[in-house]
PDB file of N, CA and C in Angstrom:
ATOM      1  N   MET A   1       0.873  -1.274   0.010  1.00  0.00           N
ATOM      2  CA  MET A   1       0.077   0.000   0.026  1.00  0.00           C
ATOM      3  C   MET A   1       0.908   1.254   0.011  1.00  0.00           C
ATOM      4  N   THR A   2       0.521   2.291  -0.958  1.00  0.00           N
ATOM      5  CA  THR A   2       1.286   3.428  -0.883  1.00  0.00           C
ATOM      6  C   THR A   2       0.351   4.616  -0.582  1.00  0.00           C
ATOM      7  N   SER A   3       0.933   5.766  -0.110  1.00  0.00           N
ATOM      8  CA  SER A   3       0.018   6.931   0.068  1.00  0.00           C
ATOM      9  C   SER A   3       0.936   7.959  -0.500  1.00  0.00           C
ATOM     10  N   GLU A   4       0.246   8.883  -1.360  1.00  0.00           N
ATOM     11  CA  GLU A   4       1.002  10.011  -1.866  1.00  0.00           C
ATOM     12  C   GLU A   4       0.652  11.321  -1.084  1.00  0.00           C
ATOM     13  N   SER A   5       1.498  12.110  -0.639  1.00  0.00           N
ATOM     14  CA  SER A   5       1.129  13.208  -0.016  1.00  0.00           C
ATOM     15  C   SER A   5       2.096  14.292  -0.616  1.00  0.00           C
ATOM     16  N   GLU A   6       1.428  15.480  -0.801  1.00  0.00           N
ATOM     17  CA  GLU A   6       2.154  16.577  -1.463  1.00  0.00           C
ATOM     18  C   GLU A   6       3.421  17.111  -0.429  1.00  0.00           C
ATOM     19  N   ARG A   7       4.550  17.020  -1.062  1.00  0.00           N
ATOM     20  CA  ARG A   7       5.712  17.397  -0.254  1.00  0.00           C
ATOM     21  C   ARG A   7       5.948  18.934  -0.397  1.00  0.00           C
ATOM     22  N   LYS A   8       5.147  19.716  -0.042  1.00  0.00           N
ATOM     23  CA  LYS A   8       5.248  21.242   0.127  1.00  0.00           C
ATOM     24  C   LYS A   8       5.680  21.450   1.515  1.00  0.00           C
ATOM     25  N   PRO A   9       6.031  22.841   1.721  1.00  0.00           N
ATOM     26  CA  PRO A   9       6.317  22.955   3.271  1.00  0.00           C
ATOM     27  C   PRO A   9       5.046  22.576   3.973  1.00  0.00           C
ATOM     28  N   THR A  10       5.135  21.596   4.632  1.00  0.00           N
ATOM     29  CA  THR A  10       3.987  21.060   5.570  1.00  0.00           C
ATOM     30  C   THR A  10       4.357  21.070   7.014  1.00  0.00           C
ATOM     31  N   THR A  11       4.652  22.140   7.408  1.00  0.00           N
ATOM     32  CA  THR A  11       5.242  22.413   8.662  1.00  0.00           C
ATOM     33  C   THR A  11       4.261  22.195  10.049  1.00  0.00           C
ATOM     34  N   SER A  12       3.101  21.895   9.613  1.00  0.00           N
ATOM     35  CA  SER A  12       1.886  21.544  10.425  1.00  0.00           C
ATOM     36  C   SER A  12       1.352  20.267  10.502  1.00  0.00           C
ATOM     37  N   ARG A  13       2.099  19.409   9.899  1.00  0.00           N
ATOM     38  CA  ARG A  13       1.597  17.982   9.798  1.00  0.00           C
ATOM     39  C   ARG A  13       2.050  17.151  10.914  1.00  0.00           C
ATOM     40  N   GLY A  14       1.205  16.055  10.932  1.00  0.00           N
ATOM     41  CA  GLY A  14       1.405  15.078  12.176  1.00  0.00           C
ATOM     42  C   GLY A  14       1.948  13.745  11.647  1.00  0.00           C
ATOM     43  N   MET A  15       2.063  12.764  12.611  1.00  0.00           N
ATOM     44  CA  MET A  15       2.673  11.433  12.210  1.00  0.00           C
ATOM     45  C   MET A  15       1.474  10.588  12.495  1.00  0.00           C
ATOM     46  N   PHE A  16       1.352   9.549  11.656  1.00  0.00           N
ATOM     47  CA  PHE A  16       0.184   8.605  11.763  1.00  0.00           C
ATOM     48  C   PHE A  16       0.492   6.964  11.602  1.00  0.00           C
ATOM     49  N   GLN A  17      -0.313   6.369  11.995  1.00  0.00           N
ATOM     50  CA  GLN A  17      -0.228   4.793  11.735  1.00  0.00           C
ATOM     51  C   GLN A  17      -1.559   4.272  11.204  1.00  0.00           C
ATOM     52  N   LEU A  18      -1.165   3.632   9.980  1.00  0.00           N
ATOM     53  CA  LEU A  18      -2.434   2.990   9.254  1.00  0.00           C
ATOM     54  C   LEU A  18      -2.844   1.771   9.923  1.00  0.00           C
ATOM     55  N   SER A  19      -4.040   1.418   9.938  1.00  0.00           N
ATOM     56  CA  SER A  19      -4.484   0.108  10.416  1.00  0.00           C
ATOM     57  C   SER A  19      -5.571  -0.319   9.315  1.00  0.00           C
ATOM     58  N   VAL A  20      -5.744  -1.666   9.050  1.00  0.00           N
ATOM     59  CA  VAL A  20      -6.521  -2.146   8.181  1.00  0.00           C
ATOM     60  C   VAL A  20      -7.304  -3.235   8.891  1.00  0.00           C
ATOM     61  N   ASN A  21      -8.610  -3.001   9.059  1.00  0.00           N
ATOM     62  CA  ASN A  21      -9.472  -3.929   9.649  1.00  0.00           C
ATOM     63  C   ASN A  21      -9.050  -4.173  11.161  1.00  0.00           C
ATOM     64  N   GLY A  22      -8.391  -3.223  11.741  1.00  0.00           N
ATOM     65  CA  GLY A  22      -7.951  -3.156  13.225  1.00  0.00           C
ATOM     66  C   GLY A  22      -6.630  -3.700  13.457  1.00  0.00           C
ATOM     67  N   THR A  23      -5.770  -3.873  12.392  1.00  0.00           N
ATOM     68  CA  THR A  23      -4.481  -4.461  12.432  1.00  0.00           C
ATOM     69  C   THR A  23      -3.562  -3.399  11.973  1.00  0.00           C
ATOM     70  N   ASN A  24      -2.600  -3.056  12.628  1.00  0.00           N
ATOM     71  CA  ASN A  24      -1.587  -1.943  12.159  1.00  0.00           C
ATOM     72  C   ASN A  24      -0.764  -2.570  10.948  1.00  0.00           C
ATOM     73  N   VAL A  25      -0.596  -1.626  10.140  1.00  0.00           N
ATOM     74  CA  VAL A  25       0.130  -2.035   8.942  1.00  0.00           C
ATOM     75  C   VAL A  25       1.285  -0.967   8.753  1.00  0.00           C
ATOM     76  N   GLY A  26       2.554  -1.534   8.632  1.00  0.00           N
ATOM     77  CA  GLY A  26       3.791  -0.665   8.364  1.00  0.00           C
ATOM     78  C   GLY A  26       4.120   0.102   9.561  1.00  0.00           C
ATOM     79  N   PRO A  27       5.091   1.047   9.224  1.00  0.00           N
ATOM     80  CA  PRO A  27       5.711   2.081  10.271  1.00  0.00           C
ATOM     81  C   PRO A  27       4.839   3.219  10.501  1.00  0.00           C
ATOM     82  N   VAL A  28       4.981   3.797  11.774  1.00  0.00           N
ATOM     83  CA  VAL A  28       4.433   5.220  11.765  1.00  0.00           C
ATOM     84  C   VAL A  28       5.149   6.144  10.775  1.00  0.00           C
ATOM     85  N   SER A  29       4.349   6.920  10.067  1.00  0.00           N
ATOM     86  CA  SER A  29       4.749   7.775   8.958  1.00  0.00           C
ATOM     87  C   SER A  29       4.770   9.223   9.531  1.00  0.00           C
ATOM     88  N   ASP A  30       5.553  10.050   9.120  1.00  0.00           N
ATOM     89  CA  ASP A  30       5.696  11.381   9.611  1.00  0.00           C
ATOM     90  C   ASP A  30       5.435  12.337   8.329  1.00  0.00           C
ATOM     91  N   GLU A  31       4.359  13.131   8.291  1.00  0.00           N
ATOM     92  CA  GLU A  31       4.157  14.041   7.268  1.00  0.00           C
ATOM     93  C   GLU A  31       5.057  15.434   7.369  1.00  0.00           C
ATOM     94  N   TYR A  32       5.578  15.594   8.338  1.00  0.00           N
ATOM     95  CA  TYR A  32       6.221  16.883   8.654  1.00  0.00           C
ATOM     96  C   TYR A  32       7.285  17.184   7.300  1.00  0.00           C
ATOM     97  N   SER A  33       7.345  18.416   6.875  1.00  0.00           N
ATOM     98  CA  SER A  33       8.382  18.749   5.923  1.00  0.00           C
ATOM     99  C   SER A  33       8.481  20.181   6.026  1.00  0.00           C
ATOM    100  N   ASN A  34       9.556  20.763   5.840  1.00  0.00           N
ATOM    101  CA  ASN A  34       9.950  22.299   5.881  1.00  0.00           C
ATOM    102  C   ASN A  34      10.553  22.796   4.560  1.00  0.00           C
ATOM    103  N   THR A  35      10.420  21.852   3.525  1.00  0.00           N
ATOM    104  CA  THR A  35      11.081  22.008   2.253  1.00  0.00           C
ATOM    105  C   THR A  35       9.891  22.020   1.182  1.00  0.00           C
ATOM    106  N   THR A  36      10.151  22.757   0.127  1.00  0.00           N
ATOM    107  CA  THR A  36       9.295  22.542  -1.070  1.00  0.00           C
ATOM    108  C   THR A  36       9.751  21.461  -1.927  1.00  0.00           C
ATOM    109  N   GLY A  37       8.692  20.728  -2.527  1.00  0.00           N
ATOM    110  CA  GLY A  37       9.049  19.599  -3.188  1.00  0.00           C
ATOM    111  C   GLY A  37       7.834  19.182  -4.188  1.00  0.00           C
ATOM    112  N   THR A  38       7.977  18.043  -4.552  1.00  0.00           N
ATOM    113  CA  THR A  38       6.792  17.614  -5.319  1.00  0.00           C
ATOM    114  C   THR A  38       6.087  16.414  -4.579  1.00  0.00           C
ATOM    115  N   PHE A  39       5.240  15.659  -5.238  1.00  0.00           N
ATOM    116  CA  PHE A  39       4.376  14.635  -4.605  1.00  0.00           C
ATOM    117  C   PHE A  39       5.494  13.582  -4.334  1.00  0.00           C
ATOM    118  N   SER A  40       5.275  12.746  -3.266  1.00  0.00           N
ATOM    119  CA  SER A  40       6.056  11.519  -2.918  1.00  0.00           C
ATOM    120  C   SER A  40       5.212  10.528  -2.754  1.00  0.00           C
ATOM    121  N   THR A  41       5.758   9.381  -2.742  1.00  0.00           N
ATOM    122  CA  THR A  41       5.139   8.074  -2.436  1.00  0.00           C
ATOM    123  C   THR A  41       5.636   7.495  -1.259  1.00  0.00           C
ATOM    124  N   VAL A  42       4.826   7.051  -0.291  1.00  0.00           N
ATOM    125  CA  VAL A  42       5.283   6.449   0.956  1.00  0.00           C
ATOM    126  C   VAL A  42       4.806   5.068   1.031  1.00  0.00           C
ATOM    127  N   ASP A  43       5.581   4.126   1.210  1.00  0.00           N
ATOM    128  CA  ASP A  43       5.217   2.774   1.265  1.00  0.00           C
ATOM    129  C   ASP A  43       4.672   2.539   2.581  1.00  0.00           C
ATOM    130  N   LEU A  44       3.426   2.173   2.866  1.00  0.00           N
ATOM    131  CA  LEU A  44       2.902   1.907   4.177  1.00  0.00           C
ATOM    132  C   LEU A  44       2.758   0.494   4.636  1.00  0.00           C
ATOM    133  N   GLY A  45       3.376  -0.508   3.763  1.00  0.00           N
ATOM    134  CA  GLY A  45       3.498  -1.856   4.157  1.00  0.00           C
ATOM    135  C   GLY A  45       2.606  -2.709   3.455  1.00  0.00           C
ATOM    136  N   ASN A  46       2.552  -4.009   3.760  1.00  0.00           N
ATOM    137  CA  ASN A  46       1.933  -5.111   3.103  1.00  0.00           C
ATOM    138  C   ASN A  46       0.725  -5.707   4.064  1.00  0.00           C
ATOM    139  N   PHE A  47      -0.483  -6.025   3.355  1.00  0.00           N
ATOM    140  CA  PHE A  47      -1.566  -6.452   4.119  1.00  0.00           C
ATOM    141  C   PHE A  47      -2.302  -7.408   3.150  1.00  0.00           C
ATOM    142  N   ALA A  48      -2.412  -8.776   3.756  1.00  0.00           N
ATOM    143  CA  ALA A  48      -3.291  -9.839   2.998  1.00  0.00           C
ATOM    144  C   ALA A  48      -4.790  -9.671   3.547  1.00  0.00           C
ATOM    145  N   PHE A  49      -5.551  -9.345   2.839  1.00  0.00           N
ATOM    146  CA  PHE A  49      -6.980  -9.410   2.986  1.00  0.00           C
ATOM    147  C   PHE A  49      -7.544 -10.752   3.199  1.00  0.00           C
ATOM    148  N   ALA A  50      -8.321 -11.081   4.305  1.00  0.00           N
ATOM    149  CA  ALA A  50      -8.770 -12.459   4.611  1.00  0.00           C
ATOM    150  C   ALA A  50      -9.855 -12.820   3.722  1.00  0.00           C
ATOM    151  N   ALA A  51     -10.850 -11.917   3.076  1.00  0.00           N
ATOM    152  CA  ALA A  51     -11.900 -12.170   2.249  1.00  0.00           C
ATOM    153  C   ALA A  51     -12.196 -10.996   1.495  1.00  0.00           C
ATOM    154  N   PRO A  52     -12.933 -11.205   0.338  1.00  0.00           N
ATOM    155  CA  PRO A  52     -13.347 -10.182  -0.388  1.00  0.00           C
ATOM    156  C   PRO A  52     -14.517  -9.372   0.385  1.00  0.00           C
ATOM    157  N   GLY A  53     -14.794  -8.130   0.049  1.00  0.00           N
ATOM    158  CA  GLY A  53     -15.786  -7.338   0.495  1.00  0.00           C
ATOM    159  C   GLY A  53     -15.228  -6.071   1.092  1.00  0.00           C
ATOM    160  N   PRO A  54     -16.113  -5.417   1.734  1.00  0.00           N
ATOM    161  CA  PRO A  54     -15.640  -4.061   2.476  1.00  0.00           C
ATOM    162  C   PRO A  54     -14.598  -4.148   3.401  1.00  0.00           C
ATOM    163  N   GLN A  55     -13.513  -3.310   3.412  1.00  0.00           N
ATOM    164  CA  GLN A  55     -12.466  -3.385   4.383  1.00  0.00           C
ATOM    165  C   GLN A  55     -12.419  -1.965   4.995  1.00  0.00           C
ATOM    166  N   THR A  56     -12.013  -1.789   6.344  1.00  0.00           N
ATOM    167  CA  THR A  56     -11.862  -0.666   6.965  1.00  0.00           C
ATOM    168  C   THR A  56     -10.371  -0.183   7.205  1.00  0.00           C
ATOM    169  N   PHE A  57     -10.159   0.944   6.561  1.00  0.00           N
ATOM    170  CA  PHE A  57      -8.826   1.646   6.658  1.00  0.00           C
ATOM    171  C   PHE A  57      -8.866   2.855   7.679  1.00  0.00           C
ATOM    172  N   LYS A  58      -7.814   2.928   8.609  1.00  0.00           N
ATOM    173  CA  LYS A  58      -7.948   3.994   9.621  1.00  0.00           C
ATOM    174  C   LYS A  58      -6.618   4.546   9.759  1.00  0.00           C
ATOM    175  N   PHE A  59      -6.439   5.705   9.701  1.00  0.00           N
ATOM    176  CA  PHE A  59      -5.270   6.620   9.786  1.00  0.00           C
ATOM    177  C   PHE A  59      -5.374   7.288  11.257  1.00  0.00           C
ATOM    178  N   THR A  60      -4.514   6.885  12.107  1.00  0.00           N
ATOM    179  CA  THR A  60      -4.615   7.358  13.501  1.00  0.00           C
ATOM    180  C   THR A  60      -3.264   8.297  13.743  1.00  0.00           C
ATOM    181  N   VAL A  61      -3.581   9.484  14.159  1.00  0.00           N
ATOM    182  CA  VAL A  61      -2.521  10.452  14.510  1.00  0.00           C
ATOM    183  C   VAL A  61      -1.900  10.015  15.650  1.00  0.00           C
ATOM    184  N   THR A  62      -0.538   9.769  15.688  1.00  0.00           N
ATOM    185  CA  THR A  62       0.170   9.259  16.703  1.00  0.00           C
ATOM    186  C   THR A  62       1.088  10.120  17.575  1.00  0.00           C
ATOM    187  N   GLY A  63       1.132  11.464  16.935  1.00  0.00           N
ATOM    188  CA  GLY A  63       1.954  12.627  17.485  1.00  0.00           C
ATOM    189  C   GLY A  63       2.373  13.439  16.427  1.00  0.00           C
ATOM    190  N   LYS A  64       3.531  14.199  16.723  1.00  0.00           N
ATOM    191  CA  LYS A  64       4.103  15.058  15.676  1.00  0.00           C
ATOM    192  C   LYS A  64       5.626  15.152  15.679  1.00  0.00           C
ATOM    193  N   ASN A  65       6.186  15.444  14.791  1.00  0.00           N
ATOM    194  CA  ASN A  65       7.556  15.833  14.804  1.00  0.00           C
ATOM    195  C   ASN A  65       7.866  17.066  15.673  1.00  0.00           C
ATOM    196  N   ALA A  66       8.978  17.032  16.314  1.00  0.00           N
ATOM    197  CA  ALA A  66       9.296  17.906  17.382  1.00  0.00           C
ATOM    198  C   ALA A  66       9.257  19.411  16.688  1.00  0.00           C
ATOM    199  N   ALA A  67       9.489  19.462  15.277  1.00  0.00           N
ATOM    200  CA  ALA A  67       9.461  20.790  14.700  1.00  0.00           C
ATOM    201  C   ALA A  67       8.306  21.266  14.136  1.00  0.00           C
ATOM    202  N   SER A  68       7.298  20.327  14.089  1.00  0.00           N
ATOM    203  CA  SER A  68       5.808  20.500  13.563  1.00  0.00           C
ATOM    204  C   SER A  68       5.048  21.470  14.510  1.00  0.00           C
ATOM    205  N   THR A  69       4.209  22.430  13.844  1.00  0.00           N
ATOM    206  CA  THR A  69       3.249  23.086  14.700  1.00  0.00           C
ATOM    207  C   THR A  69       1.985  22.550  14.801  1.00  0.00           C
ATOM    208  N   GLY A  70       1.728  21.445  14.146  1.00  0.00           N
ATOM    209  CA  GLY A  70       0.406  20.851  14.406  1.00  0.00           C
ATOM    210  C   GLY A  70       0.213  19.222  14.242  1.00  0.00           C
ATOM    211  N   PHE A  71      -0.914  18.845  14.068  1.00  0.00           N
ATOM    212  CA  PHE A  71      -1.054  17.325  13.926  1.00  0.00           C
ATOM    213  C   PHE A  71      -1.926  16.943  12.675  1.00  0.00           C
ATOM    214  N   GLY A  72      -2.023  17.847  11.697  1.00  0.00           N
ATOM    215  CA  GLY A  72      -2.714  17.621  10.551  1.00  0.00           C
ATOM    216  C   GLY A  72      -2.264  16.581   9.483  1.00  0.00           C
ATOM    217  N   LEU A  73      -3.090  15.836   8.856  1.00  0.00           N
ATOM    218  CA  LEU A  73      -2.744  15.031   7.788  1.00  0.00           C
ATOM    219  C   LEU A  73      -3.415  15.215   6.666  1.00  0.00           C
ATOM    220  N   ALA A  74      -2.869  14.788   5.584  1.00  0.00           N
ATOM    221  CA  ALA A  74      -3.413  15.066   4.159  1.00  0.00           C
ATOM    222  C   ALA A  74      -2.937  13.937   3.311  1.00  0.00           C
ATOM    223  N   PHE A  75      -3.806  13.477   2.502  1.00  0.00           N
ATOM    224  CA  PHE A  75      -3.461  12.400   1.566  1.00  0.00           C
ATOM    225  C   PHE A  75      -4.135  12.813   0.113  1.00  0.00           C
ATOM    226  N   ASP A  76      -3.120  12.681  -0.936  1.00  0.00           N
ATOM    227  CA  ASP A  76      -3.710  12.874  -2.260  1.00  0.00           C
ATOM    228  C   ASP A  76      -4.226  11.672  -2.883  1.00  0.00           C
ATOM    229  N   ASP A  77      -3.610  10.617  -2.629  1.00  0.00           N
ATOM    230  CA  ASP A  77      -3.954   9.398  -3.289  1.00  0.00           C
ATOM    231  C   ASP A  77      -3.575   8.287  -2.555  1.00  0.00           C
ATOM    232  N   ILE A  78      -4.389   7.208  -2.465  1.00  0.00           N
ATOM    233  CA  ILE A  78      -4.042   5.812  -1.814  1.00  0.00           C
ATOM    234  C   ILE A  78      -4.025   4.829  -2.928  1.00  0.00           C
ATOM    235  N   THR A  79      -3.011   4.177  -3.095  1.00  0.00           N
ATOM    236  CA  THR A  79      -2.837   2.976  -4.127  1.00  0.00           C
ATOM    237  C   THR A  79      -2.707   1.735  -3.554  1.00  0.00           C
ATOM    238  N   LEU A  80      -3.664   0.620  -3.909  1.00  0.00           N
ATOM    239  CA  LEU A  80      -3.546  -0.710  -3.354  1.00  0.00           C
ATOM    240  C   LEU A  80      -2.928  -1.480  -4.579  1.00  0.00           C
ATOM    241  N   THR A  81      -1.776  -2.302  -4.208  1.00  0.00           N
ATOM    242  CA  THR A  81      -1.126  -3.013  -5.317  1.00  0.00           C
ATOM    243  C   THR A  81      -1.315  -4.466  -5.068  1.00  0.00           C
ATOM    244  N   PRO A  82      -1.773  -5.213  -5.938  1.00  0.00           N
ATOM    245  CA  PRO A  82      -1.914  -6.702  -5.772  1.00  0.00           C
ATOM    246  C   PRO A  82      -0.505  -7.186  -5.631  1.00  0.00           C
ATOM    247  N   GLN A  83      -0.369  -8.189  -4.663  1.00  0.00           N
ATOM    248  CA  GLN A  83       0.896  -9.017  -4.518  1.00  0.00           C
ATOM    249  C   GLN A  83       0.744 -10.327  -4.949  1.00  0.00           C
TER     250      GLN A  83
END
């Protein structure tokens, strides 16, 4: 799973943990950035779905970078890639 977030100065962004159907997936990700850039792709890890049908994705704010002024999150695109 990947998440693309715009890497412009995002000095008010927080850190998050993705969970799928109640199971944490991948590492905690930090959206803080103090530099201007382009969209970047963040690998959020692998998850095997037990069955077809509706799935629950949850992004939980876990804190913030010491340099960040806030806890906001923003996602432009979420891509699921079959394994």
